[in-house]
N, C-alpha and C. Protein backbone atom coordinates (compact mmCIF):
# COMPACT_ATOMS: atom_id res chain seq x y z
N MET A 1 46.40 -58.54 -38.52
CA MET A 1 45.92 -57.50 -37.62
C MET A 1 46.07 -57.97 -36.17
N ILE A 2 46.54 -57.10 -35.34
CA ILE A 2 46.72 -57.42 -33.92
C ILE A 2 45.43 -57.14 -33.16
N HIS A 3 45.11 -58.04 -32.25
CA HIS A 3 43.86 -57.91 -31.50
C HIS A 3 44.13 -57.68 -30.01
N LEU A 4 45.33 -57.24 -29.68
CA LEU A 4 45.66 -56.94 -28.29
C LEU A 4 45.03 -55.61 -27.92
N GLN A 5 44.30 -55.60 -26.80
CA GLN A 5 43.64 -54.38 -26.35
C GLN A 5 43.93 -54.18 -24.87
N ALA A 6 44.11 -52.94 -24.50
CA ALA A 6 44.48 -52.60 -23.13
C ALA A 6 43.46 -53.10 -22.11
N HIS A 7 42.17 -53.02 -22.41
CA HIS A 7 41.18 -53.43 -21.41
C HIS A 7 41.29 -54.93 -21.10
N ARG A 8 41.74 -55.72 -22.07
CA ARG A 8 41.94 -57.15 -21.80
C ARG A 8 43.16 -57.37 -20.92
N ILE A 9 44.19 -56.58 -21.14
CA ILE A 9 45.39 -56.68 -20.31
C ILE A 9 45.06 -56.25 -18.88
N VAL A 10 44.34 -55.14 -18.74
CA VAL A 10 43.95 -54.66 -17.41
C VAL A 10 43.08 -55.70 -16.71
N GLY A 11 42.14 -56.31 -17.43
CA GLY A 11 41.31 -57.35 -16.84
C GLY A 11 42.13 -58.54 -16.37
N PHE A 12 43.13 -58.90 -17.15
CA PHE A 12 44.03 -59.98 -16.74
C PHE A 12 44.82 -59.58 -15.50
N HIS A 13 45.40 -58.38 -15.51
CA HIS A 13 46.17 -57.91 -14.36
C HIS A 13 45.34 -57.89 -13.09
N ASP A 14 44.08 -57.52 -13.22
CA ASP A 14 43.20 -57.45 -12.05
C ASP A 14 42.61 -58.80 -11.66
N GLY A 15 42.89 -59.84 -12.43
CA GLY A 15 42.38 -61.16 -12.12
C GLY A 15 40.94 -61.38 -12.50
N ARG A 16 40.39 -60.49 -13.35
CA ARG A 16 38.99 -60.62 -13.76
C ARG A 16 38.84 -61.56 -14.95
N GLN A 17 39.92 -61.82 -15.66
CA GLN A 17 39.85 -62.73 -16.80
C GLN A 17 41.20 -63.38 -17.00
N ALA A 18 41.16 -64.53 -17.64
CA ALA A 18 42.39 -65.27 -17.93
C ALA A 18 43.09 -64.63 -19.12
N ALA A 19 44.32 -65.04 -19.33
CA ALA A 19 45.05 -64.58 -20.52
C ALA A 19 44.27 -64.98 -21.76
N GLU A 20 44.36 -64.17 -22.79
CA GLU A 20 43.58 -64.38 -24.01
C GLU A 20 43.84 -65.71 -24.68
N THR A 21 45.09 -66.02 -24.89
CA THR A 21 45.45 -67.27 -25.57
C THR A 21 46.74 -67.78 -24.97
N ALA A 22 47.18 -68.89 -25.48
CA ALA A 22 48.46 -69.45 -25.03
C ALA A 22 49.59 -68.98 -25.94
N SER A 23 49.46 -67.81 -26.52
CA SER A 23 50.48 -67.30 -27.43
C SER A 23 51.73 -66.89 -26.67
N GLU A 24 52.83 -66.79 -27.40
CA GLU A 24 54.07 -66.31 -26.79
C GLU A 24 53.90 -64.91 -26.22
N LEU A 25 53.11 -64.08 -26.91
CA LEU A 25 52.86 -62.72 -26.42
C LEU A 25 52.19 -62.76 -25.06
N TRP A 26 51.12 -63.54 -24.92
CA TRP A 26 50.42 -63.58 -23.64
C TRP A 26 51.25 -64.26 -22.56
N ARG A 27 52.09 -65.24 -22.93
CA ARG A 27 52.99 -65.84 -21.94
C ARG A 27 53.95 -64.78 -21.40
N ALA A 28 54.43 -63.91 -22.28
CA ALA A 28 55.33 -62.84 -21.84
C ALA A 28 54.59 -61.84 -20.94
N ILE A 29 53.34 -61.52 -21.28
CA ILE A 29 52.53 -60.62 -20.44
C ILE A 29 52.30 -61.25 -19.07
N GLU A 30 51.99 -62.55 -19.06
CA GLU A 30 51.81 -63.26 -17.79
C GLU A 30 53.09 -63.26 -16.96
N ASP A 31 54.22 -63.57 -17.61
CA ASP A 31 55.50 -63.58 -16.90
C ASP A 31 55.81 -62.22 -16.31
N ASN A 32 55.59 -61.17 -17.08
CA ASN A 32 55.86 -59.82 -16.59
C ASN A 32 55.04 -59.53 -15.34
N HIS A 33 53.76 -59.85 -15.39
CA HIS A 33 52.90 -59.54 -14.24
C HIS A 33 53.26 -60.41 -13.03
N ARG A 34 53.55 -61.68 -13.27
CA ARG A 34 53.94 -62.56 -12.16
C ARG A 34 55.21 -62.03 -11.48
N HIS A 35 56.19 -61.62 -12.27
CA HIS A 35 57.42 -61.13 -11.66
C HIS A 35 57.23 -59.77 -10.99
N ASN A 36 56.32 -58.96 -11.50
CA ASN A 36 55.99 -57.71 -10.79
C ASN A 36 55.35 -58.00 -9.44
N ARG A 37 54.45 -59.01 -9.40
CA ARG A 37 53.82 -59.36 -8.11
C ARG A 37 54.87 -59.87 -7.12
N LEU A 38 55.76 -60.75 -7.60
CA LEU A 38 56.80 -61.29 -6.72
C LEU A 38 57.75 -60.19 -6.27
N LEU A 39 58.08 -59.29 -7.18
CA LEU A 39 58.94 -58.16 -6.86
C LEU A 39 58.29 -57.28 -5.81
N TRP A 40 57.00 -57.00 -5.96
CA TRP A 40 56.27 -56.18 -4.98
C TRP A 40 56.39 -56.79 -3.58
N ASP A 41 56.13 -58.11 -3.50
CA ASP A 41 56.17 -58.78 -2.20
C ASP A 41 57.57 -58.72 -1.58
N GLU A 42 58.60 -58.95 -2.39
CA GLU A 42 59.97 -58.90 -1.87
C GLU A 42 60.34 -57.49 -1.44
N GLU A 43 59.89 -56.49 -2.19
CA GLU A 43 60.17 -55.09 -1.81
C GLU A 43 59.56 -54.79 -0.45
N ASP A 44 58.33 -55.27 -0.20
CA ASP A 44 57.72 -55.08 1.12
C ASP A 44 58.57 -55.74 2.20
N LEU A 45 58.97 -56.98 1.96
CA LEU A 45 59.75 -57.72 2.95
C LEU A 45 61.11 -57.06 3.21
N ALA A 46 61.71 -56.50 2.19
CA ALA A 46 63.03 -55.89 2.34
C ALA A 46 63.01 -54.64 3.21
N ARG A 47 61.84 -54.10 3.48
CA ARG A 47 61.74 -52.88 4.28
C ARG A 47 61.47 -53.17 5.76
N ARG A 48 61.45 -54.44 6.12
CA ARG A 48 61.27 -54.80 7.53
C ARG A 48 62.49 -54.36 8.34
N LYS A 49 62.26 -54.03 9.58
CA LYS A 49 63.35 -53.60 10.45
C LYS A 49 63.57 -54.58 11.61
N ASN A 50 62.66 -55.51 11.78
CA ASN A 50 62.72 -56.40 12.94
C ASN A 50 63.20 -57.81 12.59
N VAL A 51 64.01 -57.92 11.53
CA VAL A 51 64.56 -59.22 11.13
C VAL A 51 66.06 -59.08 10.95
N PRO A 52 66.77 -60.19 10.98
CA PRO A 52 68.23 -60.11 10.78
C PRO A 52 68.57 -59.58 9.38
N ASP A 53 69.71 -58.90 9.30
CA ASP A 53 70.17 -58.34 8.02
C ASP A 53 70.30 -59.41 6.95
N SER A 54 70.59 -60.64 7.35
CA SER A 54 70.74 -61.72 6.36
C SER A 54 69.42 -61.96 5.61
N GLU A 55 68.29 -61.77 6.28
CA GLU A 55 66.99 -61.91 5.59
C GLU A 55 66.80 -60.79 4.57
N ILE A 56 67.19 -59.59 4.94
CA ILE A 56 67.06 -58.45 4.02
C ILE A 56 67.98 -58.67 2.82
N ALA A 57 69.18 -59.19 3.05
CA ALA A 57 70.10 -59.49 1.94
C ALA A 57 69.46 -60.52 1.01
N GLY A 58 68.79 -61.51 1.57
CA GLY A 58 68.09 -62.50 0.73
C GLY A 58 66.98 -61.85 -0.07
N ASN A 59 66.25 -60.94 0.55
CA ASN A 59 65.20 -60.20 -0.16
C ASN A 59 65.79 -59.39 -1.31
N LYS A 60 66.92 -58.72 -1.04
CA LYS A 60 67.55 -57.89 -2.08
C LYS A 60 68.00 -58.75 -3.26
N ARG A 61 68.55 -59.91 -3.00
CA ARG A 61 68.97 -60.80 -4.10
C ARG A 61 67.74 -61.26 -4.89
N ALA A 62 66.67 -61.56 -4.19
CA ALA A 62 65.44 -61.97 -4.88
C ALA A 62 64.90 -60.81 -5.72
N ILE A 63 64.95 -59.59 -5.19
CA ILE A 63 64.50 -58.41 -5.93
C ILE A 63 65.28 -58.27 -7.23
N ASP A 64 66.59 -58.42 -7.16
CA ASP A 64 67.41 -58.31 -8.37
C ASP A 64 67.02 -59.38 -9.39
N GLY A 65 66.78 -60.58 -8.93
CA GLY A 65 66.39 -61.66 -9.84
C GLY A 65 65.04 -61.42 -10.48
N TYR A 66 64.05 -61.03 -9.68
CA TYR A 66 62.71 -60.76 -10.23
C TYR A 66 62.73 -59.56 -11.18
N ASN A 67 63.52 -58.55 -10.84
CA ASN A 67 63.60 -57.39 -11.71
C ASN A 67 64.20 -57.76 -13.06
N GLN A 68 65.21 -58.62 -13.04
CA GLN A 68 65.80 -59.08 -14.31
C GLN A 68 64.76 -59.83 -15.14
N LYS A 69 64.01 -60.73 -14.50
CA LYS A 69 62.99 -61.52 -15.21
C LYS A 69 61.86 -60.62 -15.71
N ARG A 70 61.50 -59.61 -14.94
CA ARG A 70 60.49 -58.63 -15.35
C ARG A 70 60.94 -57.92 -16.61
N ASN A 71 62.18 -57.44 -16.62
CA ASN A 71 62.70 -56.74 -17.79
C ASN A 71 62.85 -57.67 -18.98
N ASP A 72 63.24 -58.91 -18.75
CA ASP A 72 63.31 -59.89 -19.84
C ASP A 72 61.93 -60.08 -20.46
N ALA A 73 60.90 -60.13 -19.63
CA ALA A 73 59.53 -60.29 -20.14
C ALA A 73 59.09 -59.08 -20.95
N ILE A 74 59.47 -57.88 -20.52
CA ILE A 74 59.14 -56.67 -21.29
C ILE A 74 59.74 -56.77 -22.68
N GLU A 75 60.99 -57.19 -22.76
CA GLU A 75 61.65 -57.32 -24.06
C GLU A 75 60.96 -58.39 -24.91
N ARG A 76 60.53 -59.49 -24.29
CA ARG A 76 59.81 -60.54 -25.04
C ARG A 76 58.47 -60.03 -25.55
N ILE A 77 57.77 -59.22 -24.76
CA ILE A 77 56.51 -58.63 -25.22
C ILE A 77 56.77 -57.81 -26.48
N ASP A 78 57.77 -56.95 -26.42
CA ASP A 78 58.09 -56.11 -27.58
C ASP A 78 58.53 -56.94 -28.78
N GLU A 79 59.31 -57.97 -28.55
CA GLU A 79 59.73 -58.84 -29.66
C GLU A 79 58.53 -59.48 -30.34
N GLN A 80 57.60 -59.98 -29.54
CA GLN A 80 56.41 -60.63 -30.10
C GLN A 80 55.54 -59.64 -30.86
N LEU A 81 55.40 -58.44 -30.32
CA LEU A 81 54.61 -57.42 -31.02
C LEU A 81 55.27 -57.01 -32.33
N LEU A 82 56.59 -56.90 -32.33
CA LEU A 82 57.27 -56.55 -33.58
C LEU A 82 57.07 -57.63 -34.64
N ILE A 83 57.02 -58.89 -34.21
CA ILE A 83 56.73 -59.97 -35.16
C ILE A 83 55.33 -59.78 -35.74
N LEU A 84 54.36 -59.48 -34.88
CA LEU A 84 52.99 -59.27 -35.36
C LEU A 84 52.89 -58.06 -36.28
N PHE A 85 53.59 -56.99 -35.91
CA PHE A 85 53.53 -55.77 -36.72
C PHE A 85 54.34 -55.88 -38.00
N SER A 86 55.23 -56.84 -38.09
CA SER A 86 56.04 -56.99 -39.30
C SER A 86 55.17 -57.38 -40.50
N LYS A 87 53.99 -57.89 -40.23
CA LYS A 87 53.06 -58.26 -41.30
C LYS A 87 52.27 -57.05 -41.81
N ALA A 88 52.34 -55.96 -41.06
CA ALA A 88 51.63 -54.74 -41.46
C ALA A 88 52.48 -53.97 -42.47
N GLU A 89 51.86 -53.04 -43.09
CA GLU A 89 52.55 -52.16 -44.04
C GLU A 89 53.65 -51.40 -43.31
N THR A 90 54.88 -51.50 -43.80
CA THR A 90 55.97 -50.78 -43.15
C THR A 90 56.09 -49.39 -43.75
N ASN A 91 56.34 -48.45 -42.89
CA ASN A 91 56.45 -47.06 -43.30
C ASN A 91 57.70 -46.48 -42.63
N GLU A 92 58.72 -46.25 -43.42
CA GLU A 92 59.99 -45.73 -42.88
C GLU A 92 59.82 -44.36 -42.23
N ALA A 93 58.82 -43.61 -42.64
CA ALA A 93 58.59 -42.28 -42.08
C ALA A 93 57.73 -42.32 -40.82
N ALA A 94 57.35 -43.53 -40.39
CA ALA A 94 56.51 -43.65 -39.19
C ALA A 94 57.22 -43.05 -37.99
N ARG A 95 56.45 -42.42 -37.14
CA ARG A 95 56.97 -41.81 -35.91
C ARG A 95 57.54 -42.89 -35.00
N LEU A 96 58.76 -42.67 -34.52
CA LEU A 96 59.39 -43.59 -33.57
C LEU A 96 58.91 -43.24 -32.17
N ASN A 97 58.29 -44.19 -31.50
CA ASN A 97 57.82 -43.99 -30.14
C ASN A 97 58.92 -44.44 -29.18
N SER A 98 59.29 -43.58 -28.25
CA SER A 98 60.39 -43.92 -27.35
C SER A 98 59.98 -44.92 -26.29
N GLU A 99 58.72 -44.92 -25.88
CA GLU A 99 58.25 -45.91 -24.92
C GLU A 99 57.62 -47.05 -25.71
N THR A 100 58.03 -48.26 -25.39
CA THR A 100 57.53 -49.42 -26.12
C THR A 100 56.22 -49.91 -25.52
N PRO A 101 55.44 -50.66 -26.30
CA PRO A 101 54.23 -51.26 -25.73
C PRO A 101 54.55 -52.15 -24.52
N GLY A 102 55.67 -52.88 -24.58
CA GLY A 102 56.05 -53.73 -23.45
C GLY A 102 56.25 -52.91 -22.18
N ALA A 103 56.90 -51.76 -22.31
CA ALA A 103 57.10 -50.90 -21.15
C ALA A 103 55.76 -50.36 -20.64
N MET A 104 54.86 -50.07 -21.55
CA MET A 104 53.53 -49.58 -21.14
C MET A 104 52.74 -50.69 -20.45
N ILE A 105 52.84 -51.90 -20.96
CA ILE A 105 52.15 -53.04 -20.33
C ILE A 105 52.72 -53.29 -18.94
N ASP A 106 54.03 -53.15 -18.81
CA ASP A 106 54.67 -53.27 -17.49
C ASP A 106 54.14 -52.21 -16.54
N ARG A 107 54.01 -50.99 -17.01
CA ARG A 107 53.47 -49.91 -16.16
C ARG A 107 52.02 -50.19 -15.79
N LEU A 108 51.25 -50.76 -16.73
CA LEU A 108 49.86 -51.14 -16.40
C LEU A 108 49.84 -52.20 -15.30
N SER A 109 50.77 -53.14 -15.37
CA SER A 109 50.86 -54.18 -14.35
C SER A 109 51.15 -53.57 -12.99
N ILE A 110 52.11 -52.67 -12.94
CA ILE A 110 52.47 -52.02 -11.68
C ILE A 110 51.31 -51.18 -11.15
N LEU A 111 50.63 -50.48 -12.04
CA LEU A 111 49.45 -49.71 -11.61
C LEU A 111 48.38 -50.62 -11.04
N SER A 112 48.19 -51.78 -11.63
CA SER A 112 47.23 -52.75 -11.11
C SER A 112 47.59 -53.15 -9.68
N LEU A 113 48.87 -53.38 -9.43
CA LEU A 113 49.30 -53.74 -8.08
C LEU A 113 49.10 -52.58 -7.12
N LYS A 114 49.42 -51.37 -7.55
CA LYS A 114 49.21 -50.20 -6.70
C LYS A 114 47.73 -50.02 -6.37
N ILE A 115 46.88 -50.19 -7.37
CA ILE A 115 45.43 -50.05 -7.17
C ILE A 115 44.93 -51.11 -6.18
N HIS A 116 45.38 -52.33 -6.36
CA HIS A 116 44.97 -53.41 -5.44
C HIS A 116 45.37 -53.08 -4.01
N HIS A 117 46.62 -52.70 -3.82
CA HIS A 117 47.10 -52.45 -2.47
C HIS A 117 46.53 -51.16 -1.87
N MET A 118 46.28 -50.16 -2.71
CA MET A 118 45.65 -48.94 -2.19
C MET A 118 44.20 -49.22 -1.81
N ARG A 119 43.53 -50.06 -2.59
CA ARG A 119 42.15 -50.42 -2.26
C ARG A 119 42.12 -51.13 -0.89
N LEU A 120 43.09 -51.99 -0.64
CA LEU A 120 43.15 -52.66 0.67
C LEU A 120 43.30 -51.64 1.79
N GLN A 121 44.04 -50.56 1.54
CA GLN A 121 44.19 -49.53 2.56
C GLN A 121 42.86 -48.84 2.87
N THR A 122 42.00 -48.75 1.87
CA THR A 122 40.70 -48.09 2.09
C THR A 122 39.74 -48.97 2.89
N LEU A 123 40.08 -50.22 3.05
CA LEU A 123 39.22 -51.17 3.77
C LEU A 123 39.67 -51.42 5.20
N ARG A 124 40.76 -50.78 5.60
CA ARG A 124 41.29 -51.01 6.94
C ARG A 124 40.36 -50.44 8.01
N SER A 125 40.27 -51.17 9.13
CA SER A 125 39.45 -50.69 10.25
C SER A 125 40.32 -50.24 11.42
N ASP A 126 41.64 -50.34 11.27
CA ASP A 126 42.55 -50.01 12.36
C ASP A 126 43.22 -48.65 12.17
N VAL A 127 42.68 -47.81 11.29
CA VAL A 127 43.28 -46.50 11.02
C VAL A 127 42.22 -45.41 11.12
N ALA A 128 42.68 -44.18 11.22
CA ALA A 128 41.77 -43.04 11.31
C ALA A 128 41.08 -42.79 9.97
N GLY A 129 39.97 -42.11 10.03
CA GLY A 129 39.21 -41.78 8.82
C GLY A 129 40.02 -40.98 7.82
N ALA A 130 40.92 -40.13 8.30
CA ALA A 130 41.75 -39.32 7.40
C ALA A 130 42.63 -40.21 6.53
N HIS A 131 43.10 -41.32 7.09
CA HIS A 131 43.92 -42.26 6.31
C HIS A 131 43.08 -42.85 5.18
N ILE A 132 41.88 -43.25 5.50
CA ILE A 132 40.99 -43.84 4.49
C ILE A 132 40.68 -42.81 3.40
N GLU A 133 40.35 -41.59 3.79
CA GLU A 133 40.05 -40.53 2.81
C GLU A 133 41.24 -40.26 1.90
N ASN A 134 42.42 -40.18 2.49
CA ASN A 134 43.63 -39.93 1.72
C ASN A 134 43.87 -41.08 0.72
N CYS A 135 43.67 -42.29 1.17
CA CYS A 135 43.87 -43.45 0.30
C CYS A 135 42.81 -43.51 -0.80
N LEU A 136 41.60 -43.09 -0.52
CA LEU A 136 40.56 -43.04 -1.56
C LEU A 136 40.93 -42.03 -2.65
N LEU A 137 41.46 -40.89 -2.25
CA LEU A 137 41.92 -39.90 -3.22
C LEU A 137 43.03 -40.47 -4.10
N LYS A 138 43.98 -41.15 -3.47
CA LYS A 138 45.08 -41.77 -4.21
C LYS A 138 44.56 -42.88 -5.13
N LEU A 139 43.60 -43.65 -4.65
CA LEU A 139 43.03 -44.72 -5.46
C LEU A 139 42.36 -44.16 -6.71
N ASN A 140 41.63 -43.08 -6.55
CA ASN A 140 40.99 -42.44 -7.71
C ASN A 140 42.03 -41.95 -8.71
N ARG A 141 43.09 -41.36 -8.22
CA ARG A 141 44.15 -40.87 -9.11
C ARG A 141 44.84 -42.04 -9.82
N LEU A 142 45.10 -43.12 -9.11
CA LEU A 142 45.72 -44.29 -9.73
C LEU A 142 44.83 -44.87 -10.83
N ASN A 143 43.54 -44.93 -10.57
CA ASN A 143 42.61 -45.42 -11.59
C ASN A 143 42.60 -44.51 -12.82
N GLU A 144 42.65 -43.21 -12.59
CA GLU A 144 42.71 -42.26 -13.71
C GLU A 144 44.00 -42.45 -14.51
N GLN A 145 45.11 -42.61 -13.80
CA GLN A 145 46.39 -42.81 -14.48
C GLN A 145 46.36 -44.08 -15.33
N ARG A 146 45.77 -45.14 -14.78
CA ARG A 146 45.71 -46.40 -15.53
C ARG A 146 44.82 -46.27 -16.76
N THR A 147 43.69 -45.58 -16.62
CA THR A 147 42.82 -45.36 -17.77
C THR A 147 43.55 -44.58 -18.86
N ASP A 148 44.25 -43.53 -18.46
CA ASP A 148 45.01 -42.74 -19.43
C ASP A 148 46.08 -43.58 -20.12
N LEU A 149 46.81 -44.35 -19.35
CA LEU A 149 47.88 -45.18 -19.92
C LEU A 149 47.30 -46.25 -20.85
N ALA A 150 46.18 -46.85 -20.46
CA ALA A 150 45.55 -47.86 -21.32
C ALA A 150 45.12 -47.23 -22.65
N ASP A 151 44.58 -46.03 -22.60
CA ASP A 151 44.20 -45.33 -23.84
C ASP A 151 45.43 -45.07 -24.71
N CYS A 152 46.53 -44.66 -24.09
CA CYS A 152 47.77 -44.41 -24.83
C CYS A 152 48.30 -45.70 -25.46
N LEU A 153 48.21 -46.81 -24.73
CA LEU A 153 48.65 -48.09 -25.28
C LEU A 153 47.81 -48.49 -26.48
N ASP A 154 46.49 -48.38 -26.35
CA ASP A 154 45.62 -48.71 -27.48
C ASP A 154 45.94 -47.85 -28.70
N ARG A 155 46.17 -46.57 -28.46
CA ARG A 155 46.49 -45.67 -29.57
C ARG A 155 47.81 -46.07 -30.24
N LEU A 156 48.83 -46.37 -29.43
CA LEU A 156 50.11 -46.77 -29.99
C LEU A 156 49.98 -48.07 -30.78
N LEU A 157 49.27 -49.05 -30.24
CA LEU A 157 49.09 -50.32 -30.95
C LEU A 157 48.38 -50.10 -32.28
N ALA A 158 47.35 -49.26 -32.27
CA ALA A 158 46.61 -48.99 -33.52
C ALA A 158 47.51 -48.27 -34.53
N GLU A 159 48.30 -47.31 -34.06
CA GLU A 159 49.20 -46.58 -34.96
C GLU A 159 50.26 -47.51 -35.53
N CYS A 160 50.78 -48.41 -34.72
CA CYS A 160 51.78 -49.37 -35.22
C CYS A 160 51.15 -50.32 -36.23
N ALA A 161 49.92 -50.73 -35.98
CA ALA A 161 49.25 -51.67 -36.89
C ALA A 161 49.02 -51.05 -38.27
N ARG A 162 48.81 -49.75 -38.31
CA ARG A 162 48.58 -49.11 -39.62
C ARG A 162 49.84 -48.43 -40.18
N GLY A 163 50.97 -48.60 -39.48
CA GLY A 163 52.23 -48.09 -39.99
C GLY A 163 52.50 -46.62 -39.70
N ALA A 164 51.72 -46.01 -38.82
CA ALA A 164 51.91 -44.60 -38.49
C ALA A 164 52.92 -44.39 -37.37
N ALA A 165 53.18 -45.44 -36.60
CA ALA A 165 54.15 -45.37 -35.50
C ALA A 165 54.94 -46.66 -35.49
N ARG A 166 56.09 -46.59 -34.86
CA ARG A 166 56.94 -47.77 -34.73
C ARG A 166 57.69 -47.67 -33.41
N PHE A 167 58.32 -48.76 -33.03
CA PHE A 167 59.14 -48.79 -31.82
C PHE A 167 60.24 -49.82 -32.03
N LYS A 168 61.19 -49.79 -31.16
CA LYS A 168 62.29 -50.74 -31.18
C LYS A 168 62.33 -51.47 -29.84
N VAL A 169 62.91 -52.65 -29.84
CA VAL A 169 63.16 -53.33 -28.57
C VAL A 169 64.40 -52.67 -27.97
N TYR A 170 64.21 -52.06 -26.83
CA TYR A 170 65.33 -51.44 -26.14
C TYR A 170 65.80 -52.38 -25.04
N ARG A 171 67.00 -52.91 -25.21
CA ARG A 171 67.58 -53.86 -24.24
C ARG A 171 68.00 -53.10 -22.99
N GLN A 172 67.70 -53.70 -21.86
CA GLN A 172 67.98 -53.03 -20.58
C GLN A 172 69.42 -53.23 -20.11
N PHE A 173 70.05 -54.33 -20.47
CA PHE A 173 71.43 -54.59 -20.07
C PHE A 173 71.64 -54.30 -18.58
N LYS A 174 70.92 -55.03 -17.76
CA LYS A 174 71.03 -54.85 -16.30
C LYS A 174 72.41 -55.30 -15.85
N MET A 175 73.33 -54.36 -15.79
CA MET A 175 74.73 -54.66 -15.51
C MET A 175 74.96 -55.22 -14.11
N TYR A 176 74.13 -54.82 -13.16
CA TYR A 176 74.32 -55.28 -11.79
C TYR A 176 74.10 -56.78 -11.65
N ASN A 177 73.33 -57.39 -12.56
CA ASN A 177 73.08 -58.82 -12.50
C ASN A 177 74.08 -59.64 -13.30
N ASP A 178 74.96 -59.00 -14.03
CA ASP A 178 75.93 -59.70 -14.87
C ASP A 178 77.29 -59.69 -14.17
N PRO A 179 77.77 -60.86 -13.71
CA PRO A 179 79.04 -60.89 -12.98
C PRO A 179 80.22 -60.39 -13.82
N ALA A 180 80.09 -60.42 -15.14
CA ALA A 180 81.17 -59.94 -15.99
C ALA A 180 81.15 -58.42 -16.14
N LEU A 181 80.05 -57.77 -15.77
CA LEU A 181 79.92 -56.33 -15.95
C LEU A 181 79.85 -55.54 -14.64
N ASN A 182 79.65 -56.20 -13.53
CA ASN A 182 79.52 -55.54 -12.24
C ASN A 182 80.87 -55.56 -11.53
N PRO A 183 81.54 -54.40 -11.42
CA PRO A 183 82.88 -54.38 -10.84
C PRO A 183 82.93 -54.86 -9.38
N ALA A 184 81.84 -54.69 -8.66
CA ALA A 184 81.82 -55.16 -7.27
C ALA A 184 81.80 -56.68 -7.20
N VAL A 185 81.35 -57.32 -8.29
CA VAL A 185 81.29 -58.78 -8.33
C VAL A 185 82.54 -59.35 -8.98
N TYR A 186 82.91 -58.84 -10.17
CA TYR A 186 84.08 -59.43 -10.82
C TYR A 186 85.38 -59.06 -10.13
N GLY A 187 85.34 -58.06 -9.29
CA GLY A 187 86.53 -57.67 -8.55
C GLY A 187 86.65 -58.37 -7.19
N GLU A 188 85.68 -59.20 -6.85
CA GLU A 188 85.71 -59.89 -5.56
C GLU A 188 86.88 -60.87 -5.48
N LYS A 189 87.46 -60.94 -4.34
CA LYS A 189 88.52 -61.92 -4.08
C LYS A 189 87.84 -63.22 -3.66
N PRO A 190 88.31 -64.36 -4.18
CA PRO A 190 87.69 -65.65 -3.78
C PRO A 190 87.93 -65.96 -2.32
């Protein structure tokens, strides 16, 4: 039986609790969240206008790298969950879910980052009250979205554990990061 629960993942994402165990599954969840945080920071830096273009190019390369690692972690999450669910009763007629638990955990991670950064906006003293009010509305909506997504993740995990639902690992094949698949890279003249 799998004991992964959305509220534990959300608590980890928010920094309220450590990862549950040193399992491969939790290492993949940690990696996914770490790369989402690094990706967030690089995305912010890439939008600067007062730095040389070479710095933005460095940010863009870092973004591509973190995004690849983020997607690799999503696939590892799904692989580990499929191993855990392989011990459950298999049901060929089980509903195929198009969104994987790994993708949902990734979305929870991103929502956690959005909530954190939106909360910071509500604490600013250098903006008008309308900005704070608008950000509070957005913060409430983000929290609602995360609660809904966490409920959906718990439901999917429970359905998979009892054989009522299933999913597959969907490989992302990020072609832009593969020099053999990106024509702008493999077509470059030395």
